[in-house]
């Protein structure tokens, strides 16, 4: 029993160290991640939190243009998060003019600000999940730090799900921690931190994967025991000692 507890503690310490290291690295870029779609999700979240449609649009524009000034230029032109040579004031003026134009042309209702025609904005109107997820973060921590913290939570949850999935599948502790670290270091970590719905979808996908592994693991015959057909309407019983072993501490 002491050895099992010690192994569990080592696993928890390793998981927390990876999470803390990732958080420290992300503090160097609290802004500069906004993409063109970020303002649509943000205006939706602000509307859900009680802001008027016009005020939500103005705040989303201010965040998007400020973030664009801190974004780095990508060598691939169509992935850039900023317009070359455009100042923050020019960005705000351009987006405000766009909102005014589409308002005059009939986009006068909805949860998102009128950044484009109604047909295009209906794509984001049909995706309330991510804006709902953002509401408590933005309401408590403000827009900049709220979006950053929401991305951090999504990234860490996804990485922990990867760790737990590997452990539940029988991988050793080191392999599980390596999986967690790789999830955060690879583009999955970058995507998760971006203020878009992609990171939340990744985290939910890893949670589904974990659930599938746990379901398969609990089925008779999936732990290496020989499978026997049921006799007299009773399924064979698993070894109770083996069933009680902690999959978190099965192997180092």
C-alpha atoms as a PDB file:
ATOM      1  CA  UNK A   1       0.000   0.000   0.000  1.00  0.00           C
ATOM      2  CA  UNK A   2       2.756   2.590   0.778  1.00  0.00           C
ATOM      3  CA  UNK A   3       4.331   1.855  -2.619  1.00  0.00           C
ATOM      4  CA  UNK A   4       1.014   2.437  -4.395  1.00  0.00           C
ATOM      5  CA  UNK A   5       0.504   5.738  -2.579  1.00  0.00           C
ATOM      6  CA  UNK A   6       4.049   6.828  -3.373  1.00  0.00           C
ATOM      7  CA  UNK A   7       3.509   6.036  -7.065  1.00  0.00           C
ATOM      8  CA  UNK A   8       0.240   7.975  -7.050  1.00  0.00           C
ATOM      9  CA  UNK A   9       1.953  10.962  -5.470  1.00  0.00           C
ATOM     10  CA  UNK A  10       4.747  10.864  -8.055  1.00  0.00           C
ATOM     11  CA  UNK A  11       2.191  10.805 -10.850  1.00  0.00           C
ATOM     12  CA  UNK A  12       0.322  13.779  -9.395  1.00  0.00           C
ATOM     13  CA  UNK A  13       3.535  15.746  -8.871  1.00  0.00           C
ATOM     14  CA  UNK A  14       4.642  15.083 -12.449  1.00  0.00           C
ATOM     15  CA  UNK A  15       1.253  16.128 -13.816  1.00  0.00           C
ATOM     16  CA  UNK A  16       1.266  19.351 -11.781  1.00  0.00           C
ATOM     17  CA  UNK A  17       4.841  20.224 -12.760  1.00  0.00           C
ATOM     18  CA  UNK A  18       3.986  19.918 -16.451  1.00  0.00           C
ATOM     19  CA  UNK A  19       0.856  22.046 -15.958  1.00  0.00           C
ATOM     20  CA  UNK A  20       2.756  24.741 -14.043  1.00  0.00           C
ATOM     21  CA  UNK A  21       5.547  24.857 -16.643  1.00  0.00           C
ATOM     22  CA  UNK A  22       3.022  25.237 -19.462  1.00  0.00           C
ATOM     23  CA  UNK A  23       1.164  27.971 -17.577  1.00  0.00           C
ATOM     24  CA  UNK A  24       4.386  29.901 -17.013  1.00  0.00           C
ATOM     25  CA  UNK A  25       5.252  29.758 -20.699  1.00  0.00           C
ATOM     26  CA  UNK A  26       1.789  30.954 -21.711  1.00  0.00           C
ATOM     27  CA  UNK A  27       2.047  33.994 -19.442  1.00  0.00           C
ATOM     28  CA  UNK A  28       4.516  35.430 -21.947  1.00  0.00           C
ATOM     29  CA  UNK A  29       1.719  35.745 -24.529  1.00  0.00           C
ATOM     30  CA  UNK A  30      -1.501  36.728 -22.786  1.00  0.00           C
ATOM     31  CA  UNK A  31      -2.691  38.484 -25.943  1.00  0.00           C
ATOM     32  CA  UNK A  32      -1.879  38.447 -29.648  1.00  0.00           C
ATOM     33  CA  UNK A  33      -3.787  35.217 -30.360  1.00  0.00           C
ATOM     34  CA  UNK A  34      -7.036  36.627 -31.772  1.00  0.00           C
ATOM     35  CA  UNK A  35      -8.080  35.444 -35.225  1.00  0.00           C
ATOM     36  CA  UNK A  36     -10.770  37.027 -37.449  1.00  0.00           C
ATOM     37  CA  UNK A  37     -13.383  34.674 -35.957  1.00  0.00           C
ATOM     38  CA  UNK A  38     -12.513  35.535 -32.355  1.00  0.00           C
ATOM     39  CA  UNK A  39     -14.499  38.764 -32.412  1.00  0.00           C
ATOM     40  CA  UNK A  40     -17.623  36.842 -33.487  1.00  0.00           C
ATOM     41  CA  UNK A  41     -17.428  34.403 -30.570  1.00  0.00           C
ATOM     42  CA  UNK A  42     -16.476  37.177 -28.146  1.00  0.00           C
ATOM     43  CA  UNK A  43     -19.370  39.429 -29.129  1.00  0.00           C
ATOM     44  CA  UNK A  44     -21.702  36.431 -28.691  1.00  0.00           C
ATOM     45  CA  UNK A  45     -20.298  35.740 -25.210  1.00  0.00           C
ATOM     46  CA  UNK A  46     -20.599  39.397 -24.202  1.00  0.00           C
ATOM     47  CA  UNK A  47     -24.208  39.470 -25.406  1.00  0.00           C
ATOM     48  CA  UNK A  48     -24.943  36.388 -23.317  1.00  0.00           C
ATOM     49  CA  UNK A  49     -23.393  38.097 -20.286  1.00  0.00           C
ATOM     50  CA  UNK A  50     -25.830  41.001 -20.595  1.00  0.00           C
ATOM     51  CA  UNK A  51     -24.082  43.515 -22.848  1.00  0.00           C
ATOM     52  CA  UNK A  52     -26.086  45.214 -25.579  1.00  0.00           C
ATOM     53  CA  UNK A  53     -25.352  44.098 -29.119  1.00  0.00           C
ATOM     54  CA  UNK A  54     -23.680  47.382 -29.967  1.00  0.00           C
ATOM     55  CA  UNK A  55     -21.517  47.443 -26.826  1.00  0.00           C
ATOM     56  CA  UNK A  56     -20.554  43.796 -27.304  1.00  0.00           C
ATOM     57  CA  UNK A  57     -19.445  44.608 -30.839  1.00  0.00           C
ATOM     58  CA  UNK A  58     -17.370  47.595 -29.723  1.00  0.00           C
ATOM     59  CA  UNK A  59     -15.603  45.598 -27.014  1.00  0.00           C
ATOM     60  CA  UNK A  60     -14.945  42.703 -29.399  1.00  0.00           C
ATOM     61  CA  UNK A  61     -13.483  45.106 -31.953  1.00  0.00           C
ATOM     62  CA  UNK A  62     -11.267  46.768 -29.336  1.00  0.00           C
ATOM     63  CA  UNK A  63      -9.908  43.399 -28.169  1.00  0.00           C
ATOM     64  CA  UNK A  64      -9.381  42.085 -31.696  1.00  0.00           C
ATOM     65  CA  UNK A  65      -7.509  45.162 -32.875  1.00  0.00           C
ATOM     66  CA  UNK A  66      -5.385  45.385 -29.727  1.00  0.00           C
ATOM     67  CA  UNK A  67      -4.519  41.680 -30.020  1.00  0.00           C
ATOM     68  CA  UNK A  68      -3.553  42.181 -33.652  1.00  0.00           C
ATOM     69  CA  UNK A  69      -0.874  44.682 -32.643  1.00  0.00           C
ATOM     70  CA  UNK A  70       0.787  42.030 -30.454  1.00  0.00           C
ATOM     71  CA  UNK A  71       0.543  39.209 -32.980  1.00  0.00           C
ATOM     72  CA  UNK A  72       3.637  37.987 -34.781  1.00  0.00           C
ATOM     73  CA  UNK A  73       3.788  37.826 -38.557  1.00  0.00           C
ATOM     74  CA  UNK A  74       3.677  34.319 -39.974  1.00  0.00           C
ATOM     75  CA  UNK A  75       5.785  33.270 -42.976  1.00  0.00           C
ATOM     76  CA  UNK A  76       2.543  31.817 -44.393  1.00  0.00           C
ATOM     77  CA  UNK A  77       0.533  34.921 -45.432  1.00  0.00           C
ATOM     78  CA  UNK A  78      -2.980  33.494 -44.994  1.00  0.00           C
ATOM     79  CA  UNK A  79      -2.280  32.457 -41.394  1.00  0.00           C
ATOM     80  CA  UNK A  80      -1.314  35.955 -40.240  1.00  0.00           C
ATOM     81  CA  UNK A  81      -3.322  37.359 -37.332  1.00  0.00           C
ATOM     82  CA  UNK A  82      -2.534  40.969 -38.201  1.00  0.00           C
ATOM     83  CA  UNK A  83      -2.800  43.151 -41.280  1.00  0.00           C
ATOM     84  CA  UNK A  84       0.614  44.382 -42.310  1.00  0.00           C
ATOM     85  CA  UNK A  85       0.981  48.125 -41.845  1.00  0.00           C
ATOM     86  CA  UNK A  86      -2.416  48.600 -40.154  1.00  0.00           C
ATOM     87  CA  UNK A  87      -2.441  50.517 -36.863  1.00  0.00           C
ATOM     88  CA  UNK A  88      -4.848  49.781 -34.044  1.00  0.00           C
ATOM     89  CA  UNK A  89      -6.844  52.934 -34.847  1.00  0.00           C
ATOM     90  CA  UNK A  90      -7.140  51.938 -38.502  1.00  0.00           C
ATOM     91  CA  UNK A  91      -8.270  48.463 -37.493  1.00  0.00           C
ATOM     92  CA  UNK A  92     -10.977  49.851 -35.198  1.00  0.00           C
ATOM     93  CA  UNK A  93     -12.177  52.254 -37.901  1.00  0.00           C
ATOM     94  CA  UNK A  94     -12.300  49.483 -40.531  1.00  0.00           C
ATOM     95  CA  UNK A  95     -14.322  47.110 -38.355  1.00  0.00           C
ATOM     96  CA  UNK A  96     -16.671  49.858 -37.130  1.00  0.00           C
ATOM     97  CA  UNK A  97     -17.320  50.854 -40.752  1.00  0.00           C
ATOM     98  CA  UNK A  98     -18.049  47.208 -41.547  1.00  0.00           C
ATOM     99  CA  UNK A  99     -20.534  46.974 -38.653  1.00  0.00           C
ATOM    100  CA  UNK A 100     -22.260  50.170 -39.777  1.00  0.00           C
ATOM    101  CA  UNK A 101     -22.448  48.926 -43.381  1.00  0.00           C
ATOM    102  CA  UNK A 102     -24.020  45.567 -42.523  1.00  0.00           C
ATOM    103  CA  UNK A 103     -26.412  47.191 -40.041  1.00  0.00           C
ATOM    104  CA  UNK A 104     -27.692  49.449 -42.821  1.00  0.00           C
ATOM    105  CA  UNK A 105     -28.084  46.391 -45.046  1.00  0.00           C
ATOM    106  CA  UNK A 106     -30.409  44.488 -42.759  1.00  0.00           C
ATOM    107  CA  UNK A 107     -28.279  42.718 -40.139  1.00  0.00           C
ATOM    108  CA  UNK A 108     -30.096  44.194 -37.148  1.00  0.00           C
ATOM    109  CA  UNK A 109     -30.793  41.187 -34.926  1.00  0.00           C
ATOM    110  CA  UNK A 110     -28.943  38.290 -33.344  1.00  0.00           C
ATOM    111  CA  UNK A 111     -26.487  37.608 -30.536  1.00  0.00           C
ATOM    112  CA  UNK A 112     -23.338  38.422 -32.512  1.00  0.00           C
ATOM    113  CA  UNK A 113     -22.380  41.886 -33.700  1.00  0.00           C
ATOM    114  CA  UNK A 114     -23.031  42.508 -37.434  1.00  0.00           C
ATOM    115  CA  UNK A 115     -19.481  41.994 -38.699  1.00  0.00           C
ATOM    116  CA  UNK A 116     -20.797  40.456 -41.952  1.00  0.00           C
ATOM    117  CA  UNK A 117     -24.045  39.586 -43.676  1.00  0.00           C
ATOM    118  CA  UNK A 118     -26.710  37.628 -41.791  1.00  0.00           C
ATOM    119  CA  UNK A 119     -26.110  34.434 -43.744  1.00  0.00           C
ATOM    120  CA  UNK A 120     -22.449  34.319 -42.731  1.00  0.00           C
ATOM    121  CA  UNK A 121     -23.076  35.356 -39.120  1.00  0.00           C
ATOM    122  CA  UNK A 122     -25.701  32.612 -38.803  1.00  0.00           C
ATOM    123  CA  UNK A 123     -22.754  30.158 -38.741  1.00  0.00           C
ATOM    124  CA  UNK A 124     -21.675  31.595 -35.386  1.00  0.00           C
ATOM    125  CA  UNK A 125     -25.231  32.085 -34.111  1.00  0.00           C
ATOM    126  CA  UNK A 126     -25.623  28.299 -34.423  1.00  0.00           C
ATOM    127  CA  UNK A 127     -22.604  27.647 -32.149  1.00  0.00           C
ATOM    128  CA  UNK A 128     -23.596  28.767 -28.640  1.00  0.00           C
ATOM    129  CA  UNK A 129     -21.424  26.217 -26.800  1.00  0.00           C
ATOM    130  CA  UNK A 130     -18.100  28.061 -26.892  1.00  0.00           C
ATOM    131  CA  UNK A 131     -19.591  31.511 -26.113  1.00  0.00           C
ATOM    132  CA  UNK A 132     -21.447  29.985 -23.141  1.00  0.00           C
ATOM    133  CA  UNK A 133     -18.177  28.489 -21.930  1.00  0.00           C
ATOM    134  CA  UNK A 134     -16.511  31.909 -22.149  1.00  0.00           C
ATOM    135  CA  UNK A 135     -19.176  33.824 -20.212  1.00  0.00           C
ATOM    136  CA  UNK A 136     -17.959  33.137 -16.626  1.00  0.00           C
ATOM    137  CA  UNK A 137     -14.312  33.729 -17.539  1.00  0.00           C
ATOM    138  CA  UNK A 138     -14.993  37.035 -19.301  1.00  0.00           C
ATOM    139  CA  UNK A 139     -17.430  38.189 -16.615  1.00  0.00           C
ATOM    140  CA  UNK A 140     -15.008  37.545 -13.736  1.00  0.00           C
ATOM    141  CA  UNK A 141     -11.561  38.206 -15.240  1.00  0.00           C
ATOM    142  CA  UNK A 142     -12.288  40.635 -18.059  1.00  0.00           C
ATOM    143  CA  UNK A 143     -11.839  40.054 -21.772  1.00  0.00           C
ATOM    144  CA  UNK A 144      -8.059  39.697 -22.121  1.00  0.00           C
ATOM    145  CA  UNK A 145      -7.357  37.540 -19.085  1.00  0.00           C
ATOM    146  CA  UNK A 146     -10.708  35.780 -19.316  1.00  0.00           C
ATOM    147  CA  UNK A 147      -9.981  34.510 -22.827  1.00  0.00           C
ATOM    148  CA  UNK A 148      -6.437  33.568 -21.823  1.00  0.00           C
ATOM    149  CA  UNK A 149      -7.610  31.650 -18.761  1.00  0.00           C
ATOM    150  CA  UNK A 150     -10.366  29.894 -20.719  1.00  0.00           C
ATOM    151  CA  UNK A 151      -7.759  28.721 -23.231  1.00  0.00           C
ATOM    152  CA  UNK A 152      -5.455  27.572 -20.443  1.00  0.00           C
ATOM    153  CA  UNK A 153      -8.220  25.539 -18.773  1.00  0.00           C
ATOM    154  CA  UNK A 154      -9.131  23.912 -22.083  1.00  0.00           C
ATOM    155  CA  UNK A 155      -5.498  23.039 -22.831  1.00  0.00           C
ATOM    156  CA  UNK A 156      -4.818  21.585 -19.371  1.00  0.00           C
ATOM    157  CA  UNK A 157      -8.047  19.574 -19.305  1.00  0.00           C
ATOM    158  CA  UNK A 158      -7.231  18.065 -22.694  1.00  0.00           C
ATOM    159  CA  UNK A 159      -3.697  17.179 -21.604  1.00  0.00           C
ATOM    160  CA  UNK A 160      -4.873  15.552 -18.373  1.00  0.00           C
ATOM    161  CA  UNK A 161      -7.432  13.519 -20.321  1.00  0.00           C
ATOM    162  CA  UNK A 162      -4.613  12.259 -22.556  1.00  0.00           C
ATOM    163  CA  UNK A 163      -2.601  11.301 -19.467  1.00  0.00           C
ATOM    164  CA  UNK A 164      -5.532   9.466 -17.889  1.00  0.00           C
ATOM    165  CA  UNK A 165      -6.396   7.732 -21.162  1.00  0.00           C
ATOM    166  CA  UNK A 166      -2.883   6.340 -21.491  1.00  0.00           C
ATOM    167  CA  UNK A 167      -2.853   5.201 -17.868  1.00  0.00           C
ATOM    168  CA  UNK A 168      -6.273   3.586 -18.172  1.00  0.00           C
ATOM    169  CA  UNK A 169      -5.055   1.768 -21.290  1.00  0.00           C
ATOM    170  CA  UNK A 170      -2.181   0.276 -19.276  1.00  0.00           C
ATOM    171  CA  UNK A 171       0.661   2.605 -20.221  1.00  0.00           C
ATOM    172  CA  UNK A 172       3.351   3.227 -17.553  1.00  0.00           C
ATOM    173  CA  UNK A 173       3.408   6.481 -15.609  1.00  0.00           C
ATOM    174  CA  UNK A 174       6.266   7.956 -17.633  1.00  0.00           C
ATOM    175  CA  UNK A 175       4.427   7.286 -20.897  1.00  0.00           C
ATOM    176  CA  UNK A 176       1.324   8.995 -19.536  1.00  0.00           C
ATOM    177  CA  UNK A 177       3.284  12.071 -18.472  1.00  0.00           C
ATOM    178  CA  UNK A 178       5.020  12.117 -21.852  1.00  0.00           C
ATOM    179  CA  UNK A 179       1.619  12.081 -23.535  1.00  0.00           C
ATOM    180  CA  UNK A 180       0.474  15.004 -21.432  1.00  0.00           C
ATOM    181  CA  UNK A 181       3.624  16.992 -22.228  1.00  0.00           C
ATOM    182  CA  UNK A 182       3.398  16.230 -25.954  1.00  0.00           C
ATOM    183  CA  UNK A 183      -0.237  17.318 -26.089  1.00  0.00           C
ATOM    184  CA  UNK A 184       0.789  20.717 -24.714  1.00  0.00           C
ATOM    185  CA  UNK A 185       4.005  21.041 -26.731  1.00  0.00           C
ATOM    186  CA  UNK A 186       2.577  20.019 -30.109  1.00  0.00           C
ATOM    187  CA  UNK A 187       0.152  22.171 -32.152  1.00  0.00           C
ATOM    188  CA  UNK A 188      -2.707  20.783 -30.068  1.00  0.00           C
ATOM    189  CA  UNK A 189      -1.480  22.962 -27.200  1.00  0.00           C
ATOM    190  CA  UNK A 190      -1.246  26.028 -29.436  1.00  0.00           C
ATOM    191  CA  UNK A 191      -4.698  25.453 -30.894  1.00  0.00           C
ATOM    192  CA  UNK A 192      -6.149  24.961 -27.424  1.00  0.00           C
ATOM    193  CA  UNK A 193      -4.828  28.335 -26.264  1.00  0.00           C
ATOM    194  CA  UNK A 194      -6.297  30.209 -29.232  1.00  0.00           C
ATOM    195  CA  UNK A 195      -9.587  32.036 -28.457  1.00  0.00           C
ATOM    196  CA  UNK A 196     -11.592  29.799 -30.789  1.00  0.00           C
ATOM    197  CA  UNK A 197     -13.899  26.808 -30.396  1.00  0.00           C
ATOM    198  CA  UNK A 198     -11.257  24.388 -31.748  1.00  0.00           C
ATOM    199  CA  UNK A 199      -9.521  23.975 -28.384  1.00  0.00           C
ATOM    200  CA  UNK A 200     -12.766  23.154 -26.587  1.00  0.00           C
ATOM    201  CA  UNK A 201     -13.563  20.577 -29.272  1.00  0.00           C
ATOM    202  CA  UNK A 202     -10.135  18.986 -28.768  1.00  0.00           C
ATOM    203  CA  UNK A 203     -10.622  18.784 -25.003  1.00  0.00           C
ATOM    204  CA  UNK A 204     -14.057  17.227 -25.409  1.00  0.00           C
ATOM    205  CA  UNK A 205     -12.592  14.752 -27.891  1.00  0.00           C
ATOM    206  CA  UNK A 206      -9.941  13.643 -25.418  1.00  0.00           C
ATOM    207  CA  UNK A 207     -12.622  13.271 -22.727  1.00  0.00           C
ATOM    208  CA  UNK A 208     -14.645  11.053 -25.069  1.00  0.00           C
ATOM    209  CA  UNK A 209     -11.530   8.983 -25.742  1.00  0.00           C
ATOM    210  CA  UNK A 210     -10.969   8.555 -22.018  1.00  0.00           C
ATOM    211  CA  UNK A 211     -14.566   7.459 -21.541  1.00  0.00           C
ATOM    212  CA  UNK A 212     -14.281   4.900 -24.317  1.00  0.00           C
ATOM    213  CA  UNK A 213     -11.112   3.402 -22.816  1.00  0.00           C
ATOM    214  CA  UNK A 214     -12.697   3.176 -19.376  1.00  0.00           C
ATOM    215  CA  UNK A 215     -15.810   1.497 -20.783  1.00  0.00           C
ATOM    216  CA  UNK A 216     -13.766  -1.039 -22.731  1.00  0.00           C
ATOM    217  CA  UNK A 217     -11.524  -1.635 -19.736  1.00  0.00           C
ATOM    218  CA  UNK A 218     -14.481  -2.543 -17.522  1.00  0.00           C
ATOM    219  CA  UNK A 219     -15.904  -5.105 -19.943  1.00  0.00           C
ATOM    220  CA  UNK A 220     -15.371  -8.800 -19.094  1.00  0.00           C
ATOM    221  CA  UNK A 221     -12.267 -10.233 -20.714  1.00  0.00           C
ATOM    222  CA  UNK A 222     -10.567  -6.921 -21.502  1.00  0.00           C
ATOM    223  CA  UNK A 223      -7.895  -7.163 -18.774  1.00  0.00           C
ATOM    224  CA  UNK A 224      -6.226 -10.267 -20.100  1.00  0.00           C
ATOM    225  CA  UNK A 225      -8.511 -12.732 -18.291  1.00  0.00           C
ATOM    226  CA  UNK A 226      -9.755 -15.610 -20.426  1.00  0.00           C
ATOM    227  CA  UNK A 227     -13.283 -15.048 -21.688  1.00  0.00           C
ATOM    228  CA  UNK A 228     -15.784 -17.792 -20.867  1.00  0.00           C
ATOM    229  CA  UNK A 229     -19.354 -18.078 -21.994  1.00  0.00           C
ATOM    230  CA  UNK A 230     -21.920 -17.486 -19.232  1.00  0.00           C
ATOM    231  CA  UNK A 231     -23.359 -20.524 -17.541  1.00  0.00           C
ATOM    232  CA  UNK A 232     -26.864 -20.635 -16.089  1.00  0.00           C
ATOM    233  CA  UNK A 233     -27.422 -16.980 -16.898  1.00  0.00           C
ATOM    234  CA  UNK A 234     -24.431 -15.734 -14.861  1.00  0.00           C
ATOM    235  CA  UNK A 235     -21.424 -13.869 -16.237  1.00  0.00           C
ATOM    236  CA  UNK A 236     -18.004 -14.913 -14.925  1.00  0.00           C
ATOM    237  CA  UNK A 237     -16.757 -12.820 -12.023  1.00  0.00           C
ATOM    238  CA  UNK A 238     -13.490 -10.879 -12.335  1.00  0.00           C
ATOM    239  CA  UNK A 239     -10.768 -11.366  -9.775  1.00  0.00           C
ATOM    240  CA  UNK A 240     -11.819  -8.912  -7.001  1.00  0.00           C
ATOM    241  CA  UNK A 241      -8.208  -8.220  -5.994  1.00  0.00           C
ATOM    242  CA  UNK A 242      -7.211  -7.404  -9.545  1.00  0.00           C
ATOM    243  CA  UNK A 243     -10.338  -5.318 -10.098  1.00  0.00           C
ATOM    244  CA  UNK A 244      -9.532  -3.117  -7.101  1.00  0.00           C
ATOM    245  CA  UNK A 245      -6.021  -2.230  -8.268  1.00  0.00           C
ATOM    246  CA  UNK A 246      -5.584   1.420  -9.078  1.00  0.00           C
ATOM    247  CA  UNK A 247      -4.960   1.967 -12.769  1.00  0.00           C
ATOM    248  CA  UNK A 248      -3.315   5.270 -11.830  1.00  0.00           C
ATOM    249  CA  UNK A 249      -0.563   3.384  -9.969  1.00  0.00           C
ATOM    250  CA  UNK A 250      -0.388   0.087 -11.867  1.00  0.00           C
ATOM    251  CA  UNK A 251       3.079   0.679 -13.282  1.00  0.00           C
ATOM    252  CA  UNK A 252       5.808   3.283 -12.880  1.00  0.00           C
END
